[in-house]
Amino acid sequence: MKCDKKDLLLYAVTDRRWLKGETLFQQVEKALQGGATFIQLREKNFDFHHFMEEALPIQRLCKEYSVPFVINDNVEVAVAIDADGVHVGQGDMNAAEVRMKLGDNKILGVSAQTVEQAMAAEKAGADYLGVGAVFSTGSKADAEWVSMDVLKGICDAVTIPVIAIGGIQKNNVMQLSGSGICGIAVISAIFAQSDIQKATAELKKLTQEMVESV
């Protein structure tokens, strides 16, 4: 499965901080019902066994909705469950190594903060880039800020799709208009909301408007 630009419109990254008595499966299902177009399972503290237990039902759910499902960072889990792909950061495994482990028919997403990193990721075989943090964010304490100029520069420098990440909410998403991105990746804007399905639907509509405006 390869990455289609339209699949990257509203990219939801999981976070168990806001489960509020629900399971991650239930929350992902609500996001999919609201129109999320891409799901990334992010579990930094799970061992292989627990990660697999969490990933398999969510993977089946994403297949039902025909939405790509990728694993954050953990290439071994992604290969073991035959996930659609992997997303890696600059501090994770080298993108070229990940591509070798995944093979050519899987999705490889790479985080980038500079034009140089973006071009290197594309050369290494990345299918899309996640660029940020474009706004201040509480989800990643170590996130570096990326200016609008750098975001535009990255979009101009590469031929693969670019999505913005970091602190994006419905009240600031329109500020990304004209940057050249094809979508956004969010965590709290979906999973921290009291009505996940409604929040996802509202954010998707705004993101579509943002992408189409110049």
N, C-alpha and C. Protein backbone atom coordinates (compact mmCIF):
# COMPACT_ATOMS: atom_id res chain seq x y z
N MET A 1 0.84 -1.20 0.00
CA MET A 1 0.00 0.00 0.00
C MET A 1 0.88 1.24 0.00
N LYS A 2 0.65 2.10 -0.96
CA LYS A 2 1.41 3.35 -0.99
C LYS A 2 0.50 4.50 -0.56
N CYS A 3 1.15 5.62 -0.35
CA CYS A 3 0.49 6.76 0.27
C CYS A 3 -0.12 7.68 -0.78
N ASP A 4 -1.40 7.93 -0.64
CA ASP A 4 -2.08 8.86 -1.52
C ASP A 4 -2.21 10.19 -0.79
N LYS A 5 -2.00 11.28 -1.54
CA LYS A 5 -2.04 12.62 -0.95
C LYS A 5 -3.34 12.88 -0.18
N LYS A 6 -4.44 12.43 -0.73
CA LYS A 6 -5.74 12.70 -0.10
C LYS A 6 -5.89 11.95 1.23
N ASP A 7 -5.15 10.85 1.40
CA ASP A 7 -5.21 10.10 2.66
C ASP A 7 -4.58 10.88 3.81
N LEU A 8 -3.78 11.88 3.48
CA LEU A 8 -3.03 12.62 4.50
C LEU A 8 -3.77 13.88 4.98
N LEU A 9 -5.00 14.08 4.55
CA LEU A 9 -5.73 15.30 4.90
C LEU A 9 -5.85 15.48 6.42
N LEU A 10 -6.36 14.47 7.10
CA LEU A 10 -6.52 14.55 8.56
C LEU A 10 -5.95 13.28 9.19
N TYR A 11 -4.75 13.42 9.67
CA TYR A 11 -3.91 12.34 10.15
C TYR A 11 -3.97 12.35 11.68
N ALA A 12 -4.55 11.31 12.26
CA ALA A 12 -4.73 11.25 13.72
C ALA A 12 -3.66 10.38 14.36
N VAL A 13 -2.98 10.95 15.35
CA VAL A 13 -1.93 10.24 16.09
C VAL A 13 -2.46 9.91 17.48
N THR A 14 -2.44 8.64 17.86
CA THR A 14 -3.04 8.23 19.13
C THR A 14 -2.22 8.68 20.33
N ASP A 15 -2.93 8.82 21.45
CA ASP A 15 -2.28 9.17 22.73
C ASP A 15 -3.19 8.69 23.85
N ARG A 16 -2.68 7.80 24.69
CA ARG A 16 -3.54 7.21 25.73
C ARG A 16 -3.70 8.11 26.94
N ARG A 17 -3.16 9.31 26.90
CA ARG A 17 -3.32 10.24 28.03
C ARG A 17 -4.78 10.65 28.25
N TRP A 18 -5.58 10.59 27.20
CA TRP A 18 -6.95 11.10 27.30
C TRP A 18 -8.01 10.00 27.16
N LEU A 19 -7.70 8.82 27.65
CA LEU A 19 -8.64 7.71 27.47
C LEU A 19 -9.95 7.91 28.26
N LYS A 20 -9.87 8.52 29.42
CA LYS A 20 -11.08 8.84 30.20
C LYS A 20 -12.03 7.64 30.33
N GLY A 21 -11.46 6.49 30.65
CA GLY A 21 -12.29 5.30 30.85
C GLY A 21 -12.61 4.52 29.59
N GLU A 22 -12.24 5.06 28.43
CA GLU A 22 -12.46 4.35 27.16
C GLU A 22 -11.21 3.57 26.78
N THR A 23 -11.34 2.71 25.79
CA THR A 23 -10.16 2.05 25.22
C THR A 23 -9.67 2.88 24.04
N LEU A 24 -8.41 2.67 23.68
CA LEU A 24 -7.87 3.35 22.51
C LEU A 24 -8.64 2.94 21.26
N PHE A 25 -9.03 1.69 21.20
CA PHE A 25 -9.83 1.19 20.07
C PHE A 25 -11.11 2.01 19.91
N GLN A 26 -11.81 2.24 21.03
CA GLN A 26 -13.07 3.01 20.97
C GLN A 26 -12.83 4.44 20.48
N GLN A 27 -11.73 5.03 20.94
CA GLN A 27 -11.45 6.41 20.55
C GLN A 27 -11.05 6.49 19.08
N VAL A 28 -10.27 5.55 18.62
CA VAL A 28 -9.89 5.53 17.20
C VAL A 28 -11.12 5.33 16.33
N GLU A 29 -12.03 4.47 16.78
CA GLU A 29 -13.26 4.24 16.02
C GLU A 29 -14.07 5.54 15.88
N LYS A 30 -14.15 6.31 16.96
CA LYS A 30 -14.86 7.60 16.90
C LYS A 30 -14.18 8.56 15.93
N ALA A 31 -12.85 8.57 15.95
CA ALA A 31 -12.11 9.43 15.01
C ALA A 31 -12.37 9.02 13.56
N LEU A 32 -12.42 7.72 13.32
CA LEU A 32 -12.71 7.22 11.97
C LEU A 32 -14.14 7.55 11.56
N GLN A 33 -15.06 7.45 12.49
CA GLN A 33 -16.46 7.81 12.20
C GLN A 33 -16.57 9.30 11.88
N GLY A 34 -15.71 10.10 12.48
CA GLY A 34 -15.70 11.54 12.23
C GLY A 34 -14.99 11.93 10.95
N GLY A 35 -14.29 10.97 10.34
CA GLY A 35 -13.66 11.24 9.05
C GLY A 35 -12.15 11.31 9.02
N ALA A 36 -11.48 10.84 10.08
CA ALA A 36 -10.02 10.79 10.04
C ALA A 36 -9.57 9.97 8.83
N THR A 37 -8.55 10.44 8.12
CA THR A 37 -8.14 9.80 6.87
C THR A 37 -6.88 8.95 7.00
N PHE A 38 -6.27 8.97 8.19
CA PHE A 38 -4.99 8.27 8.40
C PHE A 38 -4.84 8.08 9.91
N ILE A 39 -4.37 6.90 10.35
CA ILE A 39 -4.17 6.65 11.77
C ILE A 39 -2.73 6.21 12.02
N GLN A 40 -2.11 6.86 13.01
CA GLN A 40 -0.78 6.43 13.47
C GLN A 40 -0.91 5.99 14.92
N LEU A 41 -0.48 4.76 15.20
CA LEU A 41 -0.48 4.25 16.57
C LEU A 41 0.87 4.58 17.20
N ARG A 42 0.80 5.39 18.26
CA ARG A 42 2.04 5.86 18.91
C ARG A 42 2.04 5.36 20.35
N GLU A 43 2.96 4.45 20.63
CA GLU A 43 3.11 3.89 21.97
C GLU A 43 4.60 3.85 22.29
N LYS A 44 5.08 4.82 23.05
CA LYS A 44 6.52 4.91 23.33
C LYS A 44 6.97 3.97 24.44
N ASN A 45 6.02 3.50 25.28
CA ASN A 45 6.41 2.75 26.48
C ASN A 45 5.95 1.30 26.51
N PHE A 46 5.43 0.81 25.39
CA PHE A 46 4.95 -0.57 25.35
C PHE A 46 6.05 -1.52 24.89
N ASP A 47 6.09 -2.72 25.52
CA ASP A 47 6.98 -3.75 24.99
C ASP A 47 6.32 -4.38 23.75
N PHE A 48 7.06 -5.24 23.08
CA PHE A 48 6.61 -5.82 21.82
C PHE A 48 5.24 -6.50 21.96
N HIS A 49 5.08 -7.31 23.00
CA HIS A 49 3.85 -8.08 23.19
C HIS A 49 2.64 -7.16 23.37
N HIS A 50 2.77 -6.16 24.25
CA HIS A 50 1.64 -5.27 24.51
C HIS A 50 1.33 -4.39 23.30
N PHE A 51 2.37 -4.00 22.60
CA PHE A 51 2.18 -3.19 21.39
C PHE A 51 1.39 -3.99 20.36
N MET A 52 1.76 -5.25 20.19
CA MET A 52 1.05 -6.13 19.24
C MET A 52 -0.42 -6.28 19.64
N GLU A 53 -0.68 -6.49 20.92
CA GLU A 53 -2.06 -6.65 21.42
C GLU A 53 -2.89 -5.40 21.13
N GLU A 54 -2.28 -4.25 21.27
CA GLU A 54 -2.99 -2.99 21.01
C GLU A 54 -3.19 -2.77 19.51
N ALA A 55 -2.17 -3.10 18.74
CA ALA A 55 -2.15 -2.76 17.31
C ALA A 55 -3.10 -3.59 16.46
N LEU A 56 -3.20 -4.87 16.72
CA LEU A 56 -3.95 -5.75 15.80
C LEU A 56 -5.44 -5.39 15.66
N PRO A 57 -6.18 -5.16 16.76
CA PRO A 57 -7.59 -4.79 16.59
C PRO A 57 -7.76 -3.43 15.89
N ILE A 58 -6.87 -2.48 16.20
CA ILE A 58 -6.96 -1.16 15.56
C ILE A 58 -6.62 -1.26 14.08
N GLN A 59 -5.68 -2.12 13.76
CA GLN A 59 -5.35 -2.36 12.35
C GLN A 59 -6.55 -2.88 11.58
N ARG A 60 -7.27 -3.84 12.18
CA ARG A 60 -8.47 -4.40 11.52
C ARG A 60 -9.54 -3.33 11.36
N LEU A 61 -9.68 -2.49 12.37
CA LEU A 61 -10.65 -1.39 12.32
C LEU A 61 -10.34 -0.44 11.17
N CYS A 62 -9.07 -0.07 11.04
CA CYS A 62 -8.67 0.83 9.95
C CYS A 62 -8.93 0.22 8.58
N LYS A 63 -8.75 -1.10 8.48
CA LYS A 63 -9.02 -1.78 7.21
C LYS A 63 -10.51 -1.67 6.86
N GLU A 64 -11.36 -1.80 7.88
CA GLU A 64 -12.81 -1.67 7.65
C GLU A 64 -13.17 -0.31 7.06
N TYR A 65 -12.44 0.71 7.49
CA TYR A 65 -12.69 2.08 7.02
C TYR A 65 -11.82 2.46 5.81
N SER A 66 -11.00 1.51 5.34
CA SER A 66 -10.08 1.75 4.21
C SER A 66 -9.18 2.96 4.47
N VAL A 67 -8.69 3.04 5.71
CA VAL A 67 -7.81 4.14 6.12
C VAL A 67 -6.42 3.58 6.43
N PRO A 68 -5.36 4.19 5.91
CA PRO A 68 -4.01 3.69 6.20
C PRO A 68 -3.71 3.68 7.70
N PHE A 69 -2.97 2.66 8.10
CA PHE A 69 -2.62 2.47 9.51
C PHE A 69 -1.11 2.27 9.61
N VAL A 70 -0.44 3.19 10.29
CA VAL A 70 1.02 3.08 10.44
C VAL A 70 1.39 3.07 11.92
N ILE A 71 2.57 2.56 12.17
CA ILE A 71 3.11 2.46 13.52
C ILE A 71 4.18 3.54 13.71
N ASN A 72 4.15 4.19 14.86
CA ASN A 72 5.18 5.16 15.17
C ASN A 72 6.44 4.45 15.64
N ASP A 73 7.52 4.63 14.90
CA ASP A 73 8.87 4.26 15.34
C ASP A 73 9.17 2.77 15.39
N ASN A 74 8.23 1.93 15.83
CA ASN A 74 8.53 0.53 16.10
C ASN A 74 8.42 -0.31 14.82
N VAL A 75 9.53 -0.41 14.11
CA VAL A 75 9.55 -1.11 12.82
C VAL A 75 9.26 -2.60 12.99
N GLU A 76 9.74 -3.18 14.10
CA GLU A 76 9.55 -4.62 14.33
C GLU A 76 8.06 -4.95 14.44
N VAL A 77 7.32 -4.14 15.17
CA VAL A 77 5.87 -4.36 15.30
C VAL A 77 5.19 -4.19 13.94
N ALA A 78 5.58 -3.14 13.23
CA ALA A 78 4.97 -2.88 11.92
C ALA A 78 5.17 -4.05 10.96
N VAL A 79 6.36 -4.61 10.95
CA VAL A 79 6.65 -5.75 10.08
C VAL A 79 5.89 -6.98 10.55
N ALA A 80 5.85 -7.19 11.86
CA ALA A 80 5.20 -8.39 12.41
C ALA A 80 3.71 -8.44 12.11
N ILE A 81 3.04 -7.29 12.14
CA ILE A 81 1.59 -7.29 11.89
C ILE A 81 1.25 -6.92 10.45
N ASP A 82 2.28 -6.67 9.65
CA ASP A 82 2.06 -6.26 8.26
C ASP A 82 1.24 -4.97 8.19
N ALA A 83 1.64 -3.99 9.03
CA ALA A 83 0.99 -2.67 9.02
C ALA A 83 1.24 -2.00 7.68
N ASP A 84 0.47 -0.95 7.40
CA ASP A 84 0.64 -0.24 6.13
C ASP A 84 1.96 0.52 6.06
N GLY A 85 2.57 0.77 7.23
CA GLY A 85 3.85 1.46 7.20
C GLY A 85 4.30 1.90 8.58
N VAL A 86 5.28 2.80 8.57
CA VAL A 86 5.92 3.28 9.79
C VAL A 86 6.17 4.78 9.66
N HIS A 87 6.12 5.47 10.80
CA HIS A 87 6.56 6.87 10.83
C HIS A 87 7.73 6.96 11.80
N VAL A 88 8.83 7.58 11.36
CA VAL A 88 10.00 7.72 12.22
C VAL A 88 10.40 9.19 12.35
N GLY A 89 10.95 9.53 13.50
CA GLY A 89 11.47 10.86 13.74
C GLY A 89 12.95 10.94 13.40
N GLN A 90 13.52 12.12 13.53
CA GLN A 90 14.94 12.29 13.23
C GLN A 90 15.82 11.52 14.20
N GLY A 91 15.32 11.31 15.42
CA GLY A 91 16.12 10.59 16.42
C GLY A 91 15.90 9.09 16.42
N ASP A 92 15.02 8.62 15.56
CA ASP A 92 14.72 7.18 15.48
C ASP A 92 15.62 6.52 14.44
N MET A 93 15.27 5.33 14.02
CA MET A 93 16.07 4.62 13.03
C MET A 93 16.19 5.41 11.72
N ASN A 94 17.34 5.34 11.10
CA ASN A 94 17.59 6.02 9.83
C ASN A 94 16.55 5.61 8.78
N ALA A 95 16.04 6.60 8.04
CA ALA A 95 14.95 6.35 7.08
C ALA A 95 15.33 5.32 6.02
N ALA A 96 16.56 5.35 5.55
CA ALA A 96 17.00 4.39 4.53
C ALA A 96 17.00 2.96 5.08
N GLU A 97 17.38 2.81 6.34
CA GLU A 97 17.36 1.48 6.99
C GLU A 97 15.92 0.99 7.14
N VAL A 98 15.04 1.92 7.54
CA VAL A 98 13.63 1.56 7.70
C VAL A 98 13.05 1.10 6.37
N ARG A 99 13.38 1.82 5.30
CA ARG A 99 12.89 1.45 3.97
C ARG A 99 13.36 0.05 3.60
N MET A 100 14.61 -0.28 3.92
CA MET A 100 15.13 -1.62 3.61
C MET A 100 14.35 -2.70 4.37
N LYS A 101 14.02 -2.43 5.64
CA LYS A 101 13.29 -3.40 6.45
C LYS A 101 11.83 -3.54 6.00
N LEU A 102 11.24 -2.42 5.59
CA LEU A 102 9.82 -2.42 5.21
C LEU A 102 9.58 -2.98 3.82
N GLY A 103 10.53 -2.73 2.93
CA GLY A 103 10.30 -3.05 1.51
C GLY A 103 9.69 -1.85 0.81
N ASP A 104 9.55 -1.94 -0.49
CA ASP A 104 9.13 -0.79 -1.29
C ASP A 104 7.63 -0.52 -1.28
N ASN A 105 6.83 -1.52 -0.88
CA ASN A 105 5.38 -1.36 -1.02
C ASN A 105 4.70 -0.88 0.26
N LYS A 106 5.48 -0.42 1.24
CA LYS A 106 4.92 0.09 2.49
C LYS A 106 5.12 1.61 2.59
N ILE A 107 4.30 2.24 3.42
CA ILE A 107 4.38 3.69 3.61
C ILE A 107 5.46 4.03 4.63
N LEU A 108 6.32 4.97 4.27
CA LEU A 108 7.34 5.46 5.19
C LEU A 108 7.17 6.96 5.36
N GLY A 109 6.83 7.36 6.58
CA GLY A 109 6.74 8.78 6.91
C GLY A 109 7.92 9.18 7.77
N VAL A 110 8.41 10.38 7.56
CA VAL A 110 9.58 10.86 8.31
C VAL A 110 9.30 12.27 8.82
N SER A 111 9.67 12.53 10.07
CA SER A 111 9.56 13.88 10.64
C SER A 111 10.74 14.72 10.16
N ALA A 112 10.48 15.99 9.88
CA ALA A 112 11.54 16.89 9.43
C ALA A 112 11.30 18.29 9.99
N GLN A 113 12.39 18.97 10.32
CA GLN A 113 12.30 20.34 10.82
C GLN A 113 13.02 21.34 9.92
N THR A 114 13.82 20.83 8.97
CA THR A 114 14.58 21.72 8.08
C THR A 114 14.48 21.23 6.64
N VAL A 115 14.80 22.11 5.71
CA VAL A 115 14.80 21.75 4.29
C VAL A 115 15.80 20.62 4.05
N GLU A 116 16.96 20.69 4.70
CA GLU A 116 17.99 19.66 4.52
C GLU A 116 17.48 18.29 4.96
N GLN A 117 16.86 18.25 6.13
CA GLN A 117 16.30 16.98 6.63
C GLN A 117 15.21 16.46 5.69
N ALA A 118 14.40 17.36 5.18
CA ALA A 118 13.31 16.97 4.27
C ALA A 118 13.85 16.35 2.99
N MET A 119 14.85 17.00 2.41
CA MET A 119 15.44 16.48 1.16
C MET A 119 16.14 15.15 1.39
N ALA A 120 16.80 15.02 2.53
CA ALA A 120 17.49 13.76 2.85
C ALA A 120 16.47 12.63 3.04
N ALA A 121 15.34 12.95 3.69
CA ALA A 121 14.30 11.93 3.91
C ALA A 121 13.70 11.47 2.59
N GLU A 122 13.44 12.41 1.69
CA GLU A 122 12.90 12.05 0.39
C GLU A 122 13.88 11.14 -0.37
N LYS A 123 15.13 11.51 -0.30
CA LYS A 123 16.18 10.72 -0.99
C LYS A 123 16.27 9.31 -0.39
N ALA A 124 16.03 9.21 0.92
CA ALA A 124 16.13 7.91 1.61
C ALA A 124 14.92 7.02 1.37
N GLY A 125 13.88 7.57 0.73
CA GLY A 125 12.72 6.75 0.39
C GLY A 125 11.44 7.08 1.12
N ALA A 126 11.39 8.25 1.80
CA ALA A 126 10.17 8.64 2.50
C ALA A 126 9.03 8.87 1.51
N ASP A 127 7.82 8.52 1.90
CA ASP A 127 6.63 8.74 1.07
C ASP A 127 5.94 10.05 1.41
N TYR A 128 6.10 10.50 2.65
CA TYR A 128 5.54 11.80 3.06
C TYR A 128 6.38 12.32 4.22
N LEU A 129 6.24 13.61 4.51
CA LEU A 129 6.95 14.24 5.62
C LEU A 129 5.97 14.82 6.61
N GLY A 130 6.28 14.69 7.89
CA GLY A 130 5.55 15.37 8.95
C GLY A 130 6.42 16.50 9.46
N VAL A 131 6.00 17.73 9.26
CA VAL A 131 6.85 18.88 9.59
C VAL A 131 6.26 19.66 10.76
N GLY A 132 7.09 19.92 11.75
CA GLY A 132 6.64 20.68 12.91
C GLY A 132 7.67 20.66 14.02
N ALA A 133 7.33 21.31 15.11
CA ALA A 133 6.01 21.79 15.49
C ALA A 133 5.73 23.17 14.89
N VAL A 134 4.56 23.29 14.22
CA VAL A 134 4.22 24.57 13.59
C VAL A 134 3.62 25.56 14.60
N PHE A 135 3.07 25.03 15.70
CA PHE A 135 2.61 25.85 16.83
C PHE A 135 3.14 25.20 18.10
N SER A 136 3.09 25.90 19.21
CA SER A 136 3.57 25.29 20.46
C SER A 136 2.65 24.13 20.83
N THR A 137 3.24 23.09 21.37
CA THR A 137 2.48 21.86 21.63
C THR A 137 2.84 21.28 22.99
N GLY A 138 1.84 20.70 23.64
CA GLY A 138 2.08 20.02 24.91
C GLY A 138 2.25 18.52 24.73
N SER A 139 2.04 18.03 23.51
CA SER A 139 2.11 16.58 23.27
C SER A 139 3.54 16.07 23.18
N LYS A 140 4.45 16.94 22.71
CA LYS A 140 5.85 16.55 22.63
C LYS A 140 6.69 17.64 23.27
N ALA A 141 7.23 17.34 24.43
CA ALA A 141 7.98 18.35 25.19
C ALA A 141 9.24 18.82 24.47
N ASP A 142 9.82 17.94 23.63
CA ASP A 142 11.08 18.26 22.98
C ASP A 142 10.90 18.80 21.55
N ALA A 143 9.66 19.11 21.19
CA ALA A 143 9.38 19.53 19.81
C ALA A 143 10.01 20.90 19.52
N GLU A 144 10.71 20.97 18.39
CA GLU A 144 11.27 22.25 17.94
C GLU A 144 10.24 22.98 17.09
N TRP A 145 10.25 24.30 17.19
CA TRP A 145 9.30 25.10 16.43
C TRP A 145 9.80 25.28 15.00
N VAL A 146 8.89 25.17 14.04
CA VAL A 146 9.20 25.38 12.62
C VAL A 146 8.38 26.56 12.13
N SER A 147 9.05 27.55 11.54
CA SER A 147 8.36 28.75 11.07
C SER A 147 7.58 28.47 9.79
N MET A 148 6.66 29.37 9.48
CA MET A 148 5.87 29.27 8.24
C MET A 148 6.80 29.31 7.02
N ASP A 149 7.83 30.12 7.08
CA ASP A 149 8.78 30.22 5.95
C ASP A 149 9.48 28.89 5.71
N VAL A 150 9.90 28.24 6.81
CA VAL A 150 10.58 26.94 6.68
C VAL A 150 9.59 25.89 6.16
N LEU A 151 8.36 25.92 6.66
CA LEU A 151 7.34 24.99 6.19
C LEU A 151 7.12 25.14 4.68
N LYS A 152 6.99 26.38 4.22
CA LYS A 152 6.84 26.63 2.78
C LYS A 152 8.07 26.16 2.02
N GLY A 153 9.25 26.44 2.59
CA GLY A 153 10.51 26.04 1.95
C GLY A 153 10.61 24.54 1.76
N ILE A 154 10.16 23.80 2.76
CA ILE A 154 10.17 22.33 2.68
C ILE A 154 9.21 21.86 1.59
N CYS A 155 8.00 22.44 1.59
CA CYS A 155 7.01 22.06 0.57
C CYS A 155 7.53 22.33 -0.84
N ASP A 156 8.28 23.41 -1.00
CA ASP A 156 8.85 23.75 -2.31
C ASP A 156 10.02 22.85 -2.69
N ALA A 157 10.73 22.33 -1.68
CA ALA A 157 11.98 21.61 -1.94
C ALA A 157 11.79 20.14 -2.27
N VAL A 158 10.63 19.57 -1.89
CA VAL A 158 10.42 18.13 -2.10
C VAL A 158 9.23 17.88 -3.02
N THR A 159 9.19 16.70 -3.58
CA THR A 159 8.07 16.32 -4.46
C THR A 159 7.05 15.44 -3.74
N ILE A 160 7.41 14.94 -2.54
CA ILE A 160 6.48 14.10 -1.79
C ILE A 160 5.54 14.97 -0.94
N PRO A 161 4.39 14.44 -0.54
CA PRO A 161 3.44 15.23 0.26
C PRO A 161 4.01 15.62 1.62
N VAL A 162 3.58 16.79 2.09
CA VAL A 162 4.01 17.31 3.39
C VAL A 162 2.77 17.59 4.23
N ILE A 163 2.80 17.12 5.49
CA ILE A 163 1.75 17.48 6.43
C ILE A 163 2.39 18.25 7.59
N ALA A 164 1.63 19.15 8.19
CA ALA A 164 2.10 19.91 9.34
C ALA A 164 1.63 19.24 10.61
N ILE A 165 2.44 19.36 11.66
CA ILE A 165 2.10 18.78 12.96
C ILE A 165 2.55 19.72 14.06
N GLY A 166 1.91 19.62 15.20
CA GLY A 166 2.37 20.35 16.37
C GLY A 166 1.47 21.50 16.76
N GLY A 167 0.67 21.30 17.79
CA GLY A 167 -0.16 22.37 18.33
C GLY A 167 -1.30 22.82 17.45
N ILE A 168 -1.65 22.04 16.42
CA ILE A 168 -2.71 22.45 15.50
C ILE A 168 -4.07 22.16 16.13
N GLN A 169 -4.93 23.18 16.15
CA GLN A 169 -6.28 23.07 16.67
C GLN A 169 -7.22 23.72 15.67
N LYS A 170 -8.52 23.58 15.89
CA LYS A 170 -9.47 24.15 14.92
C LYS A 170 -9.38 25.68 14.87
N ASN A 171 -8.91 26.31 15.96
CA ASN A 171 -8.84 27.78 15.97
C ASN A 171 -7.58 28.35 15.31
N ASN A 172 -6.64 27.48 14.92
CA ASN A 172 -5.44 28.02 14.25
C ASN A 172 -5.11 27.34 12.92
N VAL A 173 -5.88 26.32 12.54
CA VAL A 173 -5.55 25.56 11.34
C VAL A 173 -5.56 26.42 10.07
N MET A 174 -6.43 27.43 10.02
CA MET A 174 -6.50 28.27 8.82
C MET A 174 -5.23 29.12 8.63
N GLN A 175 -4.45 29.29 9.69
CA GLN A 175 -3.20 30.04 9.59
C GLN A 175 -2.17 29.33 8.70
N LEU A 176 -2.43 28.06 8.41
CA LEU A 176 -1.50 27.28 7.56
C LEU A 176 -1.85 27.38 6.08
N SER A 177 -2.88 28.16 5.75
CA SER A 177 -3.28 28.34 4.35
C SER A 177 -2.11 28.86 3.52
N GLY A 178 -1.97 28.30 2.31
CA GLY A 178 -0.94 28.77 1.39
C GLY A 178 0.45 28.24 1.66
N SER A 179 0.58 27.35 2.63
CA SER A 179 1.92 26.83 2.96
C SER A 179 2.39 25.75 1.99
N GLY A 180 1.43 25.10 1.31
CA GLY A 180 1.79 24.02 0.40
C GLY A 180 1.56 22.64 0.97
N ILE A 181 1.13 22.56 2.23
CA ILE A 181 0.88 21.24 2.84
C ILE A 181 -0.40 20.62 2.28
N CYS A 182 -0.51 19.30 2.40
CA CYS A 182 -1.71 18.62 1.89
C CYS A 182 -2.59 18.15 3.03
N GLY A 183 -2.18 18.42 4.28
CA GLY A 183 -2.98 17.99 5.41
C GLY A 183 -2.28 18.28 6.72
N ILE A 184 -2.92 17.83 7.81
CA ILE A 184 -2.36 18.06 9.14
C ILE A 184 -2.37 16.76 9.95
N ALA A 185 -1.44 16.67 10.90
CA ALA A 185 -1.44 15.58 11.86
C ALA A 185 -1.72 16.16 13.23
N VAL A 186 -2.65 15.56 13.95
CA VAL A 186 -3.04 16.08 15.26
C VAL A 186 -3.17 14.96 16.28
N ILE A 187 -3.02 15.37 17.54
CA ILE A 187 -3.22 14.44 18.66
C ILE A 187 -4.36 14.97 19.52
N SER A 188 -4.07 16.01 20.30
CA SER A 188 -5.07 16.51 21.27
C SER A 188 -6.29 17.12 20.60
N ALA A 189 -6.14 17.68 19.39
CA ALA A 189 -7.28 18.30 18.70
C ALA A 189 -8.38 17.29 18.40
N ILE A 190 -8.02 16.01 18.44
CA ILE A 190 -9.01 14.93 18.30
C ILE A 190 -9.19 14.20 19.63
N PHE A 191 -8.12 13.61 20.14
CA PHE A 191 -8.26 12.65 21.24
C PHE A 191 -8.47 13.29 22.62
N ALA A 192 -8.19 14.57 22.76
CA ALA A 192 -8.44 15.23 24.05
C ALA A 192 -9.83 15.87 24.11
N GLN A 193 -10.59 15.76 23.03
CA GLN A 193 -11.89 16.42 22.96
C GLN A 193 -13.00 15.55 23.57
N SER A 194 -14.01 16.21 24.14
CA SER A 194 -15.09 15.47 24.80
C SER A 194 -15.93 14.68 23.80
N ASP A 195 -16.09 15.21 22.59
CA ASP A 195 -16.82 14.50 21.53
C ASP A 195 -15.86 14.30 20.36
N ILE A 196 -15.20 13.16 20.36
CA ILE A 196 -14.13 12.90 19.39
C ILE A 196 -14.66 12.89 17.96
N GLN A 197 -15.79 12.25 17.75
CA GLN A 197 -16.34 12.17 16.39
C GLN A 197 -16.67 13.56 15.84
N LYS A 198 -17.32 14.37 16.65
CA LYS A 198 -17.69 15.73 16.22
C LYS A 198 -16.46 16.59 16.00
N ALA A 199 -15.49 16.51 16.91
CA ALA A 199 -14.26 17.30 16.79
C ALA A 199 -13.51 16.93 15.51
N THR A 200 -13.49 15.64 15.19
CA THR A 200 -12.81 15.17 13.98
C THR A 200 -13.51 15.72 12.74
N ALA A 201 -14.82 15.63 12.71
CA ALA A 201 -15.59 16.11 11.55
C ALA A 201 -15.38 17.61 11.33
N GLU A 202 -15.42 18.38 12.41
CA GLU A 202 -15.23 19.84 12.31
C GLU A 202 -13.82 20.17 11.81
N LEU A 203 -12.84 19.48 12.36
CA LEU A 203 -11.44 19.74 11.98
C LEU A 203 -11.19 19.34 10.52
N LYS A 204 -11.81 18.25 10.09
CA LYS A 204 -11.63 17.80 8.70
C LYS A 204 -12.18 18.84 7.73
N LYS A 205 -13.33 19.39 8.03
CA LYS A 205 -13.94 20.41 7.17
C LYS A 205 -13.04 21.64 7.07
N LEU A 206 -12.53 22.10 8.21
CA LEU A 206 -11.64 23.26 8.23
C LEU A 206 -10.33 22.98 7.49
N THR A 207 -9.81 21.77 7.67
CA THR A 207 -8.55 21.41 7.01
C THR A 207 -8.72 21.38 5.49
N GLN A 208 -9.85 20.86 5.04
CA GLN A 208 -10.14 20.85 3.60
C GLN A 208 -10.16 22.28 3.05
N GLU A 209 -10.81 23.17 3.79
CA GLU A 209 -10.87 24.58 3.38
C GLU A 209 -9.46 25.19 3.36
N MET A 210 -8.66 24.88 4.36
CA MET A 210 -7.30 25.40 4.46
C MET A 210 -6.44 24.94 3.28
N VAL A 211 -6.53 23.65 2.97
CA VAL A 211 -5.71 23.08 1.88
C VAL A 211 -6.11 23.70 0.54
N GLU A 212 -7.41 23.93 0.37
CA GLU A 212 -7.89 24.44 -0.92
C GLU A 212 -7.68 25.95 -1.08
N SER A 213 -7.49 26.66 0.03
CA SER A 213 -7.25 28.11 -0.07
C SER A 213 -5.77 28.37 -0.35
N VAL A 214 -5.47 29.46 -1.02
CA VAL A 214 -4.07 29.77 -1.36
C VAL A 214 -3.70 31.14 -0.82
